[in-house]
């Protein structure tokens, strides 16, 4: 961004600037995950000293209201007592065993109890591991090689899934990163999201070769995009008709949008599901699960190999269970309410109330300021696009006003509001946010928009 007189990109504080210079000497780009480098907004990152509730403090002493929450898992806010206490207690008995522990069994029972499509589940250490393993399992089960994914849906950085759309809707994918062999990318077919005709034509021509479709149930790695009516139902029906599997990537949405994630909201049954984020309570975790007949092909029962020294780590499992208890109540930890039963108010109800409050205020503000926009929000997840067109796929996302976003981002950061340093990321509200925090944020938004 070229700073203007109205909104200039503030430099990070002196201590953050000094530490970033050191980091660049020893870490590629100075960061351990690319978006943290702030390159999408033309600046440098700050470094965090501590965080509590909905606020973070950088090493220069500046405090921000945080709408990232470690990119989703901190649904209770930062350093909630329920999680810090259990980590402290469990750590006294050991940090990692490489041997089965009771917490991983309780977590597995919880996931299978909450998510109707999951009959068996396996723990791993990240969303990337979960999606990579689910793809391998789908190929092993169907004895087919081809995978279908959608442009703009991100499923981690494994070779088979780090693939961009080719030159046409039905072409083989192209490697989206150096180091990914073309032969790997050619096993992944990339389609535009929310395009039923392209999907149907692909399956009509190559359906017998396709092992699985993998999809972010609500795409949340290119902003936040919603499926058009009937689109997810089409994914279910077309995979069943052709003997392929449907994999829901709920790493972002699982256990954040409800006890059964998007598939619970939409009343759909995928064959496999991938999870992470919330079930680790902020610690590294992933999981994938689904139909028992498919899952039983995993080693040691079957021929599909998958393993991990730290999978089911007791600290991560205990922290995740503590978080789920806070969200849904201890009584609902290992079971879900019977069909038609009244569900008592819980953390998810509160999160949706906060999200609705924020959405209402933000829509009114943007309308008052006359700012072209689209605002997508579900539960505690939201994304603001500075665009005057509907957002239904990544092509629409790319056409938003990126320069306007940069000015908005820096103006908000300068006034203590931390949004994702990229126009392609989703924002998160936590249970630690209050209506007052949200209203303070909207006040800052108004001040910044007035200056742009």
Protein backbone atom coordinates (compact mmCIF):
# COMPACT_ATOMS: atom_id res chain seq x y z
CA UNK A 1 0.00 0.00 0.00
CA UNK A 2 1.13 3.52 -0.72
CA UNK A 3 0.15 5.47 2.41
CA UNK A 4 -2.13 8.46 1.89
CA UNK A 5 -2.50 11.59 3.99
CA UNK A 6 -5.75 10.20 5.37
CA UNK A 7 -4.66 6.67 6.29
CA UNK A 8 -0.95 5.97 6.58
CA UNK A 9 0.41 2.51 7.24
CA UNK A 10 1.87 2.76 10.75
CA UNK A 11 5.13 1.01 11.33
CA UNK A 12 5.25 -1.65 14.00
CA UNK A 13 6.64 -0.59 17.37
CA UNK A 14 10.37 -0.30 17.92
CA UNK A 15 10.71 -3.61 19.76
CA UNK A 16 8.62 -5.50 17.18
CA UNK A 17 10.62 -3.94 14.37
CA UNK A 18 13.89 -4.99 16.01
CA UNK A 19 12.68 -8.52 16.67
CA UNK A 20 11.35 -8.89 13.13
CA UNK A 21 14.77 -7.94 11.77
CA UNK A 22 16.32 -10.72 13.85
CA UNK A 23 13.61 -13.17 12.84
CA UNK A 24 14.31 -12.58 9.15
CA UNK A 25 17.91 -13.68 9.72
CA UNK A 26 16.88 -17.12 10.97
CA UNK A 27 13.31 -17.76 9.70
CA UNK A 28 12.29 -17.53 6.02
CA UNK A 29 10.47 -14.22 5.67
CA UNK A 30 10.70 -13.79 9.44
CA UNK A 31 7.53 -15.81 10.04
CA UNK A 32 6.44 -19.41 10.46
CA UNK A 33 3.20 -19.02 8.49
CA UNK A 34 3.07 -16.70 5.46
CA UNK A 35 0.07 -14.46 6.23
CA UNK A 36 1.75 -13.35 9.45
CA UNK A 37 4.29 -11.40 7.41
CA UNK A 38 1.67 -8.68 6.67
CA UNK A 39 2.71 -8.64 3.00
CA UNK A 40 -0.91 -8.58 1.84
CA UNK A 41 -1.28 -5.17 3.47
CA UNK A 42 2.17 -3.80 2.72
CA UNK A 43 3.68 -3.61 6.18
CA UNK A 44 5.46 -5.48 8.95
CA UNK A 45 3.98 -7.56 11.77
CA UNK A 46 3.94 -6.83 15.46
CA UNK A 47 4.95 -9.47 18.02
CA UNK A 48 2.63 -10.50 20.85
CA UNK A 49 3.71 -10.50 24.48
CA UNK A 50 0.53 -11.77 26.10
CA UNK A 51 -3.20 -12.15 25.55
CA UNK A 52 -6.29 -12.49 27.76
CA UNK A 53 -9.97 -12.52 26.91
CA UNK A 54 -10.54 -10.76 23.59
CA UNK A 55 -7.39 -8.61 23.84
CA UNK A 56 -3.78 -9.06 22.87
CA UNK A 57 -0.80 -6.93 23.87
CA UNK A 58 2.27 -6.52 21.69
CA UNK A 59 5.84 -6.37 22.96
CA UNK A 60 5.77 -2.57 22.67
CA UNK A 61 2.86 -2.43 25.13
CA UNK A 62 0.02 -1.63 22.72
CA UNK A 63 -3.29 -3.44 23.26
CA UNK A 64 -5.73 -4.56 20.56
CA UNK A 65 -9.21 -6.09 20.43
CA UNK A 66 -8.53 -9.31 18.56
CA UNK A 67 -10.77 -10.72 15.83
CA UNK A 68 -8.47 -13.55 14.80
CA UNK A 69 -8.29 -15.65 17.96
CA UNK A 70 -5.31 -17.70 16.72
CA UNK A 71 -7.20 -18.12 13.42
CA UNK A 72 -10.24 -19.67 15.03
CA UNK A 73 -9.49 -22.07 17.89
CA UNK A 74 -9.68 -19.53 20.74
CA UNK A 75 -13.44 -19.59 20.82
CA UNK A 76 -13.52 -18.90 24.57
CA UNK A 77 -11.03 -16.07 24.15
CA UNK A 78 -7.35 -16.01 25.05
CA UNK A 79 -6.06 -17.89 28.09
CA UNK A 80 -9.44 -18.94 29.54
CA UNK A 81 -9.10 -20.28 33.06
CA UNK A 82 -10.87 -23.55 32.20
CA UNK A 83 -8.14 -24.37 29.68
CA UNK A 84 -5.08 -22.99 31.44
CA UNK A 85 -6.03 -24.85 34.61
CA UNK A 86 -6.46 -28.20 32.89
CA UNK A 87 -3.20 -27.81 30.95
CA UNK A 88 -1.40 -27.13 34.22
CA UNK A 89 -2.97 -30.16 35.94
CA UNK A 90 -2.42 -32.61 33.09
CA UNK A 91 1.15 -31.44 32.46
CA UNK A 92 2.08 -32.41 36.00
CA UNK A 93 1.41 -36.05 35.03
CA UNK A 94 3.30 -35.89 31.75
CA UNK A 95 3.34 -33.95 28.49
CA UNK A 96 3.53 -36.69 25.86
CA UNK A 97 3.54 -40.46 26.15
CA UNK A 98 3.37 -41.99 22.67
CA UNK A 99 1.05 -44.47 24.41
CA UNK A 100 -2.78 -44.39 24.53
CA UNK A 101 -4.25 -42.08 27.17
CA UNK A 102 -7.82 -41.67 28.47
CA UNK A 103 -8.28 -38.15 27.08
CA UNK A 104 -8.02 -39.29 23.46
CA UNK A 105 -10.75 -41.88 24.03
CA UNK A 106 -13.00 -39.29 25.64
CA UNK A 107 -12.40 -36.91 22.74
CA UNK A 108 -13.20 -39.63 20.20
CA UNK A 109 -16.43 -40.49 22.02
CA UNK A 110 -17.34 -36.81 22.13
CA UNK A 111 -16.80 -36.23 18.40
CA UNK A 112 -18.74 -39.37 17.48
CA UNK A 113 -21.49 -38.35 19.90
CA UNK A 114 -21.82 -34.84 18.54
CA UNK A 115 -21.42 -35.41 14.80
CA UNK A 116 -23.93 -37.94 13.41
CA UNK A 117 -21.86 -38.77 10.30
CA UNK A 118 -18.81 -39.77 12.33
CA UNK A 119 -18.84 -43.37 13.51
CA UNK A 120 -15.10 -43.61 14.11
CA UNK A 121 -12.42 -40.94 14.29
CA UNK A 122 -8.65 -40.74 14.33
CA UNK A 123 -6.64 -37.95 15.95
CA UNK A 124 -3.70 -36.22 14.29
CA UNK A 125 -1.81 -32.96 14.79
CA UNK A 126 -3.09 -30.43 12.25
CA UNK A 127 -5.73 -29.69 9.67
CA UNK A 128 -3.20 -30.43 6.94
CA UNK A 129 -2.61 -33.90 8.39
CA UNK A 130 -6.35 -34.50 8.65
CA UNK A 131 -7.14 -33.62 5.03
CA UNK A 132 -4.05 -35.38 3.67
CA UNK A 133 -4.99 -38.55 5.55
CA UNK A 134 -8.64 -38.37 4.53
CA UNK A 135 -7.62 -38.12 0.86
CA UNK A 136 -5.32 -41.13 1.18
CA UNK A 137 -8.08 -43.08 2.89
CA UNK A 138 -10.63 -42.17 0.21
CA UNK A 139 -8.27 -43.34 -2.52
CA UNK A 140 -7.58 -46.56 -0.64
CA UNK A 141 -11.28 -47.25 -0.10
CA UNK A 142 -12.43 -46.52 -3.67
CA UNK A 143 -9.25 -47.75 -5.40
CA UNK A 144 -9.43 -44.63 -7.56
CA UNK A 145 -6.88 -41.86 -7.99
CA UNK A 146 -8.63 -38.61 -8.90
CA UNK A 147 -9.69 -36.00 -6.35
CA UNK A 148 -12.00 -33.04 -6.94
CA UNK A 149 -11.50 -29.79 -5.06
CA UNK A 150 -12.79 -26.27 -5.58
CA UNK A 151 -10.91 -23.13 -6.50
CA UNK A 152 -10.51 -20.99 -3.39
CA UNK A 153 -10.98 -23.83 -0.93
CA UNK A 154 -7.83 -24.40 1.12
CA UNK A 155 -7.17 -27.77 2.72
CA UNK A 156 -3.65 -27.39 4.00
CA UNK A 157 -0.33 -27.61 2.20
CA UNK A 158 0.00 -31.27 1.25
CA UNK A 159 1.08 -31.82 -2.36
CA UNK A 160 -2.20 -33.26 -3.65
CA UNK A 161 -4.23 -30.33 -2.34
CA UNK A 162 -1.92 -27.39 -2.99
CA UNK A 163 -3.37 -27.10 -6.46
CA UNK A 164 -4.89 -24.14 -8.31
CA UNK A 165 -7.45 -24.15 -11.10
CA UNK A 166 -6.15 -24.94 -14.57
CA UNK A 167 -6.89 -22.97 -17.70
CA UNK A 168 -10.48 -24.21 -17.88
CA UNK A 169 -13.10 -25.48 -15.49
CA UNK A 170 -12.52 -29.11 -16.42
CA UNK A 171 -8.74 -29.16 -16.85
CA UNK A 172 -6.32 -30.84 -14.51
CA UNK A 173 -5.11 -28.68 -11.68
CA UNK A 174 -1.83 -26.83 -11.85
CA UNK A 175 0.72 -26.83 -9.00
CA UNK A 176 0.07 -23.87 -6.73
CA UNK A 177 3.56 -24.02 -5.24
CA UNK A 178 7.09 -24.70 -6.40
CA UNK A 179 8.14 -28.17 -5.33
CA UNK A 180 4.82 -29.84 -6.15
CA UNK A 181 5.37 -32.31 -9.02
CA UNK A 182 3.00 -31.82 -11.93
CA UNK A 183 2.17 -35.52 -11.78
CA UNK A 184 0.73 -35.00 -8.28
CA UNK A 185 -1.31 -31.98 -9.34
CA UNK A 186 -2.72 -33.87 -12.31
CA UNK A 187 -4.50 -36.22 -9.92
CA UNK A 188 -6.49 -33.28 -8.56
CA UNK A 189 -9.28 -31.75 -10.63
CA UNK A 190 -10.20 -28.17 -9.71
CA UNK A 191 -13.65 -26.71 -10.30
CA UNK A 192 -15.21 -23.30 -9.63
CA UNK A 193 -17.25 -23.31 -6.43
CA UNK A 194 -21.05 -22.94 -6.70
CA UNK A 195 -21.11 -24.07 -10.34
CA UNK A 196 -23.44 -27.10 -10.59
CA UNK A 197 -23.11 -27.42 -14.36
CA UNK A 198 -19.32 -27.76 -14.20
CA UNK A 199 -19.60 -30.38 -11.47
CA UNK A 200 -22.21 -32.42 -13.30
CA UNK A 201 -20.26 -32.33 -16.56
CA UNK A 202 -17.07 -33.46 -14.85
CA UNK A 203 -18.76 -36.45 -13.24
CA UNK A 204 -20.56 -37.33 -16.46
CA UNK A 205 -17.20 -37.58 -18.22
CA UNK A 206 -14.87 -38.87 -15.50
CA UNK A 207 -17.03 -39.89 -12.56
CA UNK A 208 -15.89 -43.51 -12.53
CA UNK A 209 -12.30 -42.38 -11.92
CA UNK A 210 -13.01 -39.99 -9.05
CA UNK A 211 -12.23 -41.16 -5.52
CA UNK A 212 -13.63 -38.19 -3.63
CA UNK A 213 -14.74 -34.60 -3.53
CA UNK A 214 -13.15 -32.53 -0.77
CA UNK A 215 -14.78 -29.22 0.08
CA UNK A 216 -14.75 -26.65 2.83
CA UNK A 217 -18.35 -26.99 3.96
CA UNK A 218 -18.51 -23.19 4.17
CA UNK A 219 -15.37 -21.95 2.38
CA UNK A 220 -13.56 -19.76 4.91
CA UNK A 221 -10.05 -19.45 3.53
CA UNK A 222 -10.92 -17.01 0.74
CA UNK A 223 -13.01 -14.77 2.92
CA UNK A 224 -16.26 -16.45 3.91
CA UNK A 225 -18.35 -17.82 1.05
CA UNK A 226 -21.70 -19.59 1.32
CA UNK A 227 -23.01 -22.39 -0.91
CA UNK A 228 -25.92 -21.52 -3.16
CA UNK A 229 -29.20 -23.28 -2.29
CA UNK A 230 -28.99 -26.99 -3.08
CA UNK A 231 -25.27 -27.00 -3.90
CA UNK A 232 -24.12 -29.06 -0.93
CA UNK A 233 -27.02 -31.47 -1.51
CA UNK A 234 -25.74 -31.91 -5.07
CA UNK A 235 -22.30 -32.84 -3.74
CA UNK A 236 -23.90 -35.53 -1.57
CA UNK A 237 -26.05 -36.98 -4.35
CA UNK A 238 -23.47 -36.92 -7.12
CA UNK A 239 -20.79 -38.68 -5.05
CA UNK A 240 -23.27 -41.38 -4.04
CA UNK A 241 -24.42 -41.87 -7.61
CA UNK A 242 -20.86 -42.39 -8.85
CA UNK A 243 -19.44 -44.32 -5.92
CA UNK A 244 -17.11 -41.55 -4.81
CA UNK A 245 -16.72 -40.26 -1.25
CA UNK A 246 -17.62 -36.79 0.00
CA UNK A 247 -15.13 -35.22 2.43
CA UNK A 248 -16.24 -32.19 4.42
CA UNK A 249 -13.33 -30.05 5.58
CA UNK A 250 -14.69 -28.62 8.83
CA UNK A 251 -11.33 -27.59 10.23
CA UNK A 252 -12.55 -23.98 10.41
CA UNK A 253 -16.26 -24.56 11.02
CA UNK A 254 -16.34 -27.75 13.07
CA UNK A 255 -17.38 -27.17 16.69
CA UNK A 256 -17.34 -23.40 16.12
CA UNK A 257 -20.71 -23.14 14.40
CA UNK A 258 -22.40 -25.75 16.54
CA UNK A 259 -22.05 -29.22 17.99
CA UNK A 260 -22.13 -30.80 14.52
CA UNK A 261 -20.66 -27.97 12.46
CA UNK A 262 -22.00 -27.11 9.03
CA UNK A 263 -23.26 -30.62 8.41
CA UNK A 264 -25.48 -30.19 11.45
CA UNK A 265 -26.75 -26.82 10.23
CA UNK A 266 -27.41 -28.13 6.71
CA UNK A 267 -28.57 -31.60 7.84
CA UNK A 268 -26.14 -33.39 5.51
CA UNK A 269 -24.12 -36.59 5.86
CA UNK A 270 -20.65 -36.62 4.30
CA UNK A 271 -18.66 -39.85 4.19
CA UNK A 272 -15.60 -38.35 5.90
CA UNK A 273 -15.03 -35.15 7.88
CA UNK A 274 -11.89 -33.29 8.88
CA UNK A 275 -11.61 -31.30 12.10
CA UNK A 276 -9.13 -29.23 14.09
CA UNK A 277 -8.90 -25.79 15.74
CA UNK A 278 -11.54 -25.83 18.49
CA UNK A 279 -10.96 -29.42 19.65
CA UNK A 280 -7.42 -28.52 20.69
CA UNK A 281 -8.32 -25.55 22.86
CA UNK A 282 -5.54 -23.58 21.15
CA UNK A 283 -3.00 -26.42 21.07
CA UNK A 284 -2.00 -28.18 17.81
CA UNK A 285 -4.59 -30.78 16.85
CA UNK A 286 -6.44 -32.35 13.96
CA UNK A 287 -8.86 -35.21 13.45
CA UNK A 288 -10.65 -37.03 10.67
CA UNK A 289 -13.51 -39.45 10.87
CA UNK A 290 -16.60 -40.85 9.23
CA UNK A 291 -18.18 -44.11 8.17
CA UNK A 292 -16.88 -47.08 10.14
CA UNK A 293 -16.40 -49.24 7.04
CA UNK A 294 -14.16 -46.55 5.54
CA UNK A 295 -12.26 -45.74 8.72
CA UNK A 296 -11.52 -49.41 9.38
CA UNK A 297 -9.23 -49.44 6.36
CA UNK A 298 -6.70 -47.48 8.42
CA UNK A 299 -3.71 -49.26 9.91
CA UNK A 300 -3.50 -51.29 12.07
CA UNK A 301 -6.81 -52.80 10.89
CA UNK A 302 -6.41 -52.09 7.19
CA UNK A 303 -3.89 -51.32 4.45
CA UNK A 304 -4.05 -47.50 4.51
CA UNK A 305 -1.14 -46.26 6.58
CA UNK A 306 -1.35 -43.20 8.83
CA UNK A 307 0.54 -42.49 12.04
CA UNK A 308 1.80 -39.72 14.30
CA UNK A 309 3.94 -39.69 17.43
CA UNK A 310 2.03 -36.80 19.02
CA UNK A 311 -1.46 -37.77 17.81
CA UNK A 312 -3.93 -37.75 20.70
CA UNK A 313 -1.50 -35.72 22.81
CA UNK A 314 -2.90 -35.58 26.36
CA UNK A 315 -2.46 -31.81 26.75
CA UNK A 316 -4.26 -31.05 23.48
CA UNK A 317 -7.05 -33.56 24.16
CA UNK A 318 -7.62 -32.32 27.72
CA UNK A 319 -7.60 -28.68 26.61
CA UNK A 320 -10.01 -29.38 23.79
CA UNK A 321 -12.39 -31.29 26.04
CA UNK A 322 -12.34 -28.45 28.57
CA UNK A 323 -13.24 -26.02 25.79
CA UNK A 324 -16.09 -28.17 24.51
CA UNK A 325 -17.47 -28.48 28.04
CA UNK A 326 -17.54 -24.71 28.35
CA UNK A 327 -19.26 -24.37 24.99
CA UNK A 328 -21.98 -26.96 25.32
CA UNK A 329 -22.14 -27.95 28.98
CA UNK A 330 -20.76 -31.06 30.65
CA UNK A 331 -24.06 -32.93 30.30
CA UNK A 332 -23.77 -32.79 26.53
CA UNK A 333 -20.11 -33.65 26.22
CA UNK A 334 -20.43 -37.27 25.10
CA UNK A 335 -23.95 -37.28 23.66
CA UNK A 336 -26.14 -35.06 21.55
CA UNK A 337 -29.79 -34.21 22.30
CA UNK A 338 -32.34 -36.59 20.81
CA UNK A 339 -34.03 -35.45 17.59
CA UNK A 340 -36.69 -32.90 18.38
CA UNK A 341 -35.49 -32.36 21.93
CA UNK A 342 -35.09 -28.86 23.25
CA UNK A 343 -31.45 -27.82 23.43
CA UNK A 344 -30.65 -25.65 26.46
CA UNK A 345 -28.96 -22.30 25.91
CA UNK A 346 -25.21 -22.77 25.55
CA UNK A 347 -22.11 -21.07 24.27
CA UNK A 348 -23.20 -21.44 20.66
CA UNK A 349 -26.38 -19.50 21.36
CA UNK A 350 -24.35 -16.71 22.91
CA UNK A 351 -21.88 -16.66 20.02
CA UNK A 352 -24.69 -16.30 17.53
CA UNK A 353 -26.18 -13.45 19.58
CA UNK A 354 -22.83 -11.64 19.53
CA UNK A 355 -22.43 -12.27 15.82
CA UNK A 356 -25.90 -10.94 15.07
CA UNK A 357 -25.27 -7.84 17.19
CA UNK A 358 -22.04 -7.13 15.33
CA UNK A 359 -23.58 -7.78 11.92
CA UNK A 360 -26.53 -5.49 12.55
CA UNK A 361 -24.33 -2.62 13.69
CA UNK A 362 -21.82 -3.08 10.89
CA UNK A 363 -24.47 -3.18 8.16
CA UNK A 364 -26.04 0.00 9.47
CA UNK A 365 -22.67 1.73 9.64
CA UNK A 366 -21.62 0.75 6.12
CA UNK A 367 -24.97 1.84 4.73
CA UNK A 368 -24.73 5.15 6.54
CA UNK A 369 -21.23 5.75 5.15
CA UNK A 370 -22.27 4.72 1.64
CA UNK A 371 -19.51 2.11 1.38
CA UNK A 372 -20.04 -0.61 -1.26
CA UNK A 373 -19.86 -3.89 0.59
CA UNK A 374 -20.95 -7.45 1.07
CA UNK A 375 -20.97 -8.87 4.60
CA UNK A 376 -21.11 -12.62 5.12
CA UNK A 377 -21.71 -13.85 8.65
CA UNK A 378 -22.68 -17.15 10.23
CA UNK A 379 -22.58 -17.59 13.99
CA UNK A 380 -19.30 -16.14 15.24
CA UNK A 381 -17.59 -16.09 11.82
CA UNK A 382 -17.71 -13.05 9.54
CA UNK A 383 -16.06 -11.48 6.52
CA UNK A 384 -16.43 -7.97 5.15
CA UNK A 385 -15.84 -7.56 1.41
CA UNK A 386 -15.44 -4.10 -0.03
CA UNK A 387 -17.34 -4.99 -3.19
CA UNK A 388 -20.58 -4.10 -4.94
CA UNK A 389 -21.26 -7.63 -6.23
CA UNK A 390 -22.44 -10.84 -4.63
CA UNK A 391 -19.67 -13.13 -3.40
CA UNK A 392 -20.23 -16.75 -4.43
CA UNK A 393 -16.74 -17.95 -5.39
CA UNK A 394 -13.08 -16.99 -5.30
CA UNK A 395 -13.33 -15.08 -8.57
CA UNK A 396 -15.78 -12.68 -6.88
CA UNK A 397 -13.55 -12.43 -3.82
CA UNK A 398 -10.60 -11.36 -5.97
CA UNK A 399 -12.59 -8.47 -7.46
CA UNK A 400 -13.11 -6.61 -4.17
CA UNK A 401 -11.42 -3.26 -3.57
CA UNK A 402 -8.09 -4.42 -2.18
CA UNK A 403 -6.59 -0.94 -1.79
CA UNK A 404 -9.61 0.16 0.23
CA UNK A 405 -9.14 -2.88 2.48
CA UNK A 406 -5.49 -2.02 3.10
CA UNK A 407 -6.37 1.50 4.22
CA UNK A 408 -9.17 0.14 6.39
CA UNK A 409 -6.89 -2.46 7.97
CA UNK A 410 -4.15 0.03 8.90
CA UNK A 411 -6.63 2.57 10.19
CA UNK A 412 -8.20 -0.02 12.47
CA UNK A 413 -4.87 -1.40 13.66
CA UNK A 414 -3.66 2.08 14.53
CA UNK A 415 -6.73 2.49 16.75
CA UNK A 416 -6.36 -0.88 18.48
CA UNK A 417 -8.53 -3.21 16.39
CA UNK A 418 -6.75 -6.26 15.02
CA UNK A 419 -8.31 -7.78 11.93
CA UNK A 420 -6.64 -10.38 9.73
CA UNK A 421 -3.83 -8.75 7.69
CA UNK A 422 -5.37 -10.06 4.48
CA UNK A 423 -8.65 -9.46 2.64
CA UNK A 424 -8.96 -13.20 2.09
CA UNK A 425 -9.39 -14.27 5.71
CA UNK A 426 -12.37 -14.81 7.99
CA UNK A 427 -12.88 -12.94 11.26
CA UNK A 428 -13.80 -14.63 14.53
CA UNK A 429 -15.78 -13.49 17.56
CA UNK A 430 -15.20 -15.26 20.87
CA UNK A 431 -17.20 -15.70 24.04
CA UNK A 432 -14.78 -13.25 25.64
CA UNK A 433 -16.08 -10.44 23.43
CA UNK A 434 -18.92 -8.38 24.88
CA UNK A 435 -21.46 -6.16 23.20
CA UNK A 436 -19.44 -3.22 24.53
CA UNK A 437 -16.29 -4.55 22.80
CA UNK A 438 -18.20 -4.94 19.56
CA UNK A 439 -19.69 -1.45 19.85
CA UNK A 440 -16.25 0.02 20.52
CA UNK A 441 -15.02 -1.75 17.41
CA UNK A 442 -17.86 -0.32 15.33
CA UNK A 443 -17.03 3.15 16.61
CA UNK A 444 -13.45 2.72 15.37
CA UNK A 445 -14.72 1.39 12.04
CA UNK A 446 -16.80 4.53 11.64
CA UNK A 447 -13.85 6.80 12.41
CA UNK A 448 -11.62 4.98 9.94
CA UNK A 449 -14.18 4.89 7.15
CA UNK A 450 -14.68 8.63 7.51
CA UNK A 451 -10.98 9.19 6.74
CA UNK A 452 -10.67 6.88 3.74
